[in-house]
């Protein structure tokens, strides 16, 4: 059997490995940090996963968006350094883990799947699963652009200045949210997509536990 076919079947089978890693993904304002906080405080979740390594957004993603704007010609190796370092640490430690953002967020800003295919395969081989928090398009203005928790005017102003208008900023947010879903559809990692508009974090926790428990 050709090697390419063997690899394709291996990647398909990886979706059925026992869960040992969890990636939390979503556009800004979708609730990743809030969900992460809720998971860590949940007795039900910590009983299911009593010990795991945590990789926060600062470690996995950093200021990638700003770097991409300021240094678009920098090498791919430099652009993906934080992500690669996180994955290498995961492989070296071999423990259960949770990541706040991973290659799906990179793809949303730099949509070249060939840059992330190897990372995706390595994470899938460890039984990694992905939870994507999505917002209805009608919620992007209040939840993602005008974020109360970040200071509405300053946070929105930065995006509006960057993209030229409120509508352009919202259009970009719609696009990057769709690109995350596109990347997850390409991924060999099993996924759960949650509409987080209701902000019912306790319910999402039970959905995630059930998702991780599926063999």
Protein backbone atom coordinates (compact mmCIF):
# COMPACT_ATOMS: atom_id res chain seq x y z
CA UNK A 1 0.00 0.00 0.00
CA UNK A 2 1.44 3.46 -0.93
CA UNK A 3 2.84 5.47 1.97
CA UNK A 4 0.49 8.40 1.29
CA UNK A 5 -2.54 6.14 1.73
CA UNK A 6 -1.14 4.66 4.95
CA UNK A 7 -0.57 8.15 6.30
CA UNK A 8 -4.10 9.23 5.40
CA UNK A 9 -5.60 6.24 7.20
CA UNK A 10 -3.33 6.84 10.19
CA UNK A 11 -4.59 10.40 10.47
CA UNK A 12 -8.20 9.29 10.25
CA UNK A 13 -7.67 6.72 12.98
CA UNK A 14 -6.02 9.31 15.23
CA UNK A 15 -9.42 10.95 15.73
CA UNK A 16 -10.44 7.88 17.72
CA UNK A 17 -7.51 7.84 20.13
CA UNK A 18 -8.33 8.38 23.83
CA UNK A 19 -8.28 12.11 24.62
CA UNK A 20 -5.03 13.29 26.16
CA UNK A 21 -4.99 16.88 24.97
CA UNK A 22 -7.57 19.66 24.65
CA UNK A 23 -7.30 22.81 22.54
CA UNK A 24 -9.63 25.75 23.28
CA UNK A 25 -10.15 27.87 20.18
CA UNK A 26 -12.28 30.81 19.12
CA UNK A 27 -12.29 34.40 17.98
CA UNK A 28 -11.56 37.14 20.51
CA UNK A 29 -14.57 37.57 22.79
CA UNK A 30 -15.94 34.07 22.20
CA UNK A 31 -15.10 33.09 25.77
CA UNK A 32 -11.92 30.99 25.70
CA UNK A 33 -10.43 32.48 28.85
CA UNK A 34 -13.77 32.41 30.68
CA UNK A 35 -14.31 28.77 29.70
CA UNK A 36 -10.78 27.87 30.74
CA UNK A 37 -11.35 29.48 34.13
CA UNK A 38 -14.65 27.60 34.51
CA UNK A 39 -13.04 24.28 33.55
CA UNK A 40 -10.26 24.73 36.09
CA UNK A 41 -12.81 25.52 38.81
CA UNK A 42 -15.13 22.64 37.89
CA UNK A 43 -15.03 19.66 40.25
CA UNK A 44 -16.53 17.47 37.56
CA UNK A 45 -13.80 18.39 35.07
CA UNK A 46 -10.91 18.13 37.51
CA UNK A 47 -12.17 14.70 38.56
CA UNK A 48 -12.06 13.66 34.91
CA UNK A 49 -8.65 15.27 34.31
CA UNK A 50 -7.00 15.55 37.75
CA UNK A 51 -3.64 16.56 36.30
CA UNK A 52 -2.63 18.24 33.06
CA UNK A 53 -0.11 20.75 31.72
CA UNK A 54 -1.61 24.12 30.82
CA UNK A 55 -0.34 26.22 27.92
CA UNK A 56 -1.85 29.70 27.99
CA UNK A 57 -2.36 31.98 25.01
CA UNK A 58 0.79 33.95 25.85
CA UNK A 59 2.85 30.77 25.43
CA UNK A 60 1.14 29.34 22.36
CA UNK A 61 0.26 32.48 20.38
CA UNK A 62 1.85 35.56 21.93
CA UNK A 63 1.56 38.72 19.84
CA UNK A 64 1.38 36.89 16.52
CA UNK A 65 -1.11 39.30 14.96
CA UNK A 66 1.04 42.34 15.72
CA UNK A 67 4.22 40.60 14.57
CA UNK A 68 2.55 39.57 11.32
CA UNK A 69 1.59 43.18 10.62
CA UNK A 70 4.95 44.66 11.63
CA UNK A 71 7.22 41.98 10.16
CA UNK A 72 5.33 40.22 7.34
CA UNK A 73 8.57 39.08 5.70
CA UNK A 74 9.95 37.30 8.78
CA UNK A 75 10.64 33.59 8.38
CA UNK A 76 7.98 30.97 8.95
CA UNK A 77 10.21 29.46 11.62
CA UNK A 78 10.20 32.75 13.52
CA UNK A 79 6.45 33.31 13.06
CA UNK A 80 5.59 29.86 14.44
CA UNK A 81 8.27 29.69 17.14
CA UNK A 82 5.90 29.82 20.13
CA UNK A 83 3.59 27.21 18.68
CA UNK A 84 6.50 24.91 17.84
CA UNK A 85 8.01 25.35 21.30
CA UNK A 86 4.67 24.44 22.92
CA UNK A 87 4.24 21.32 20.79
CA UNK A 88 7.82 20.23 21.42
CA UNK A 89 7.28 20.62 25.17
CA UNK A 90 4.06 18.60 24.97
CA UNK A 91 5.87 15.79 23.15
CA UNK A 92 8.80 15.85 25.56
CA UNK A 93 6.67 15.77 28.71
CA UNK A 94 4.12 13.25 27.47
CA UNK A 95 1.45 14.41 29.95
CA UNK A 96 -2.20 15.35 29.47
CA UNK A 97 -2.44 18.97 28.39
CA UNK A 98 -4.71 21.88 27.60
CA UNK A 99 -3.87 24.67 25.13
CA UNK A 100 -5.48 28.09 24.87
CA UNK A 101 -5.15 28.71 21.11
CA UNK A 102 -3.07 26.63 18.74
CA UNK A 103 -2.48 26.39 14.98
CA UNK A 104 -6.12 27.18 14.17
CA UNK A 105 -5.64 30.76 15.40
CA UNK A 106 -2.48 31.06 13.32
CA UNK A 107 -4.33 29.79 10.26
CA UNK A 108 -7.03 32.44 10.77
CA UNK A 109 -4.39 35.13 10.20
CA UNK A 110 -2.01 33.25 7.90
CA UNK A 111 -4.16 30.69 6.03
CA UNK A 112 -1.51 28.38 4.60
CA UNK A 113 -2.33 24.90 5.84
CA UNK A 114 1.02 23.52 4.69
CA UNK A 115 2.64 25.53 7.53
CA UNK A 116 0.58 23.68 10.14
CA UNK A 117 -0.03 20.22 8.68
CA UNK A 118 2.91 18.62 10.52
CA UNK A 119 1.95 20.26 13.82
CA UNK A 120 -1.62 19.09 13.37
CA UNK A 121 -0.48 15.52 12.70
CA UNK A 122 1.76 15.50 15.77
CA UNK A 123 -1.02 16.78 18.01
CA UNK A 124 -3.53 14.35 16.52
CA UNK A 125 -1.13 11.47 17.19
CA UNK A 126 -1.36 12.35 20.89
CA UNK A 127 -5.15 12.11 20.97
CA UNK A 128 -5.68 15.87 20.94
CA UNK A 129 -9.23 17.17 20.68
CA UNK A 130 -10.37 20.68 19.83
CA UNK A 131 -13.23 22.76 21.21
CA UNK A 132 -14.12 25.71 18.99
CA UNK A 133 -16.23 28.48 20.50
CA UNK A 134 -18.18 30.33 17.83
CA UNK A 135 -20.37 33.42 17.89
CA UNK A 136 -23.30 34.26 15.61
CA UNK A 137 -22.35 37.00 13.17
CA UNK A 138 -24.87 39.29 14.89
CA UNK A 139 -22.92 38.99 18.17
CA UNK A 140 -19.49 39.89 16.82
CA UNK A 141 -20.04 43.63 17.25
CA UNK A 142 -20.89 43.44 20.96
CA UNK A 143 -18.79 40.42 21.96
CA UNK A 144 -15.67 40.75 19.79
CA UNK A 145 -15.33 44.37 18.67
CA UNK A 146 -16.82 46.39 21.54
CA UNK A 147 -15.56 44.28 24.42
CA UNK A 148 -16.61 45.68 27.79
CA UNK A 149 -13.92 43.68 29.60
CA UNK A 150 -11.17 45.30 27.50
CA UNK A 151 -12.47 48.88 27.58
CA UNK A 152 -14.94 49.25 24.74
CA UNK A 153 -13.60 52.41 23.07
CA UNK A 154 -9.88 51.61 23.22
CA UNK A 155 -10.30 47.96 22.20
CA UNK A 156 -12.66 48.73 19.30
CA UNK A 157 -10.65 51.78 18.30
CA UNK A 158 -7.53 49.71 17.77
CA UNK A 159 -9.34 47.37 15.37
CA UNK A 160 -11.14 50.21 13.58
CA UNK A 161 -7.87 52.12 13.09
CA UNK A 162 -6.19 48.96 11.82
CA UNK A 163 -8.89 48.02 9.30
CA UNK A 164 -10.15 51.50 8.39
CA UNK A 165 -13.75 51.36 9.57
CA UNK A 166 -16.10 49.57 11.91
CA UNK A 167 -17.61 47.58 9.03
CA UNK A 168 -14.17 46.53 7.77
CA UNK A 169 -13.21 45.42 11.27
CA UNK A 170 -16.40 43.37 11.58
CA UNK A 171 -15.92 41.92 8.10
CA UNK A 172 -12.44 40.78 9.11
CA UNK A 173 -13.79 39.22 12.28
CA UNK A 174 -16.38 37.31 10.28
CA UNK A 175 -13.65 36.06 7.97
CA UNK A 176 -11.20 34.95 10.67
CA UNK A 177 -13.97 33.13 12.52
CA UNK A 178 -14.83 31.24 9.33
CA UNK A 179 -11.15 30.47 8.72
CA UNK A 180 -10.90 28.83 12.14
CA UNK A 181 -13.74 26.51 11.21
CA UNK A 182 -12.07 25.82 7.86
CA UNK A 183 -8.83 24.85 9.62
CA UNK A 184 -10.66 22.60 12.06
CA UNK A 185 -12.38 20.86 9.16
CA UNK A 186 -8.92 20.16 7.70
CA UNK A 187 -7.56 18.91 11.01
CA UNK A 188 -6.93 15.29 11.99
CA UNK A 189 -7.93 16.21 15.56
CA UNK A 190 -11.46 15.42 16.66
CA UNK A 191 -13.56 18.56 17.27
CA UNK A 192 -16.54 19.95 19.13
CA UNK A 193 -18.07 23.25 17.98
CA UNK A 194 -20.03 25.24 20.57
CA UNK A 195 -22.16 28.33 19.97
CA UNK A 196 -21.07 30.38 22.99
CA UNK A 197 -23.58 33.21 22.53
CA UNK A 198 -25.63 32.11 25.57
CA UNK A 199 -22.52 32.06 27.81
CA UNK A 200 -23.83 29.00 29.69
CA UNK A 201 -20.38 27.90 30.81
CA UNK A 202 -21.59 25.12 33.12
CA UNK A 203 -23.49 23.51 30.26
CA UNK A 204 -20.46 23.76 28.00
CA UNK A 205 -18.34 22.01 30.64
CA UNK A 206 -20.67 19.01 30.62
CA UNK A 207 -20.62 18.98 26.82
CA UNK A 208 -16.82 18.99 26.85
CA UNK A 209 -16.60 16.20 29.43
CA UNK A 210 -18.97 14.10 27.32
CA UNK A 211 -16.90 14.92 24.22
CA UNK A 212 -13.67 13.83 25.90
CA UNK A 213 -15.30 10.63 27.10
CA UNK A 214 -16.38 9.50 23.65
CA UNK A 215 -14.02 6.63 22.66
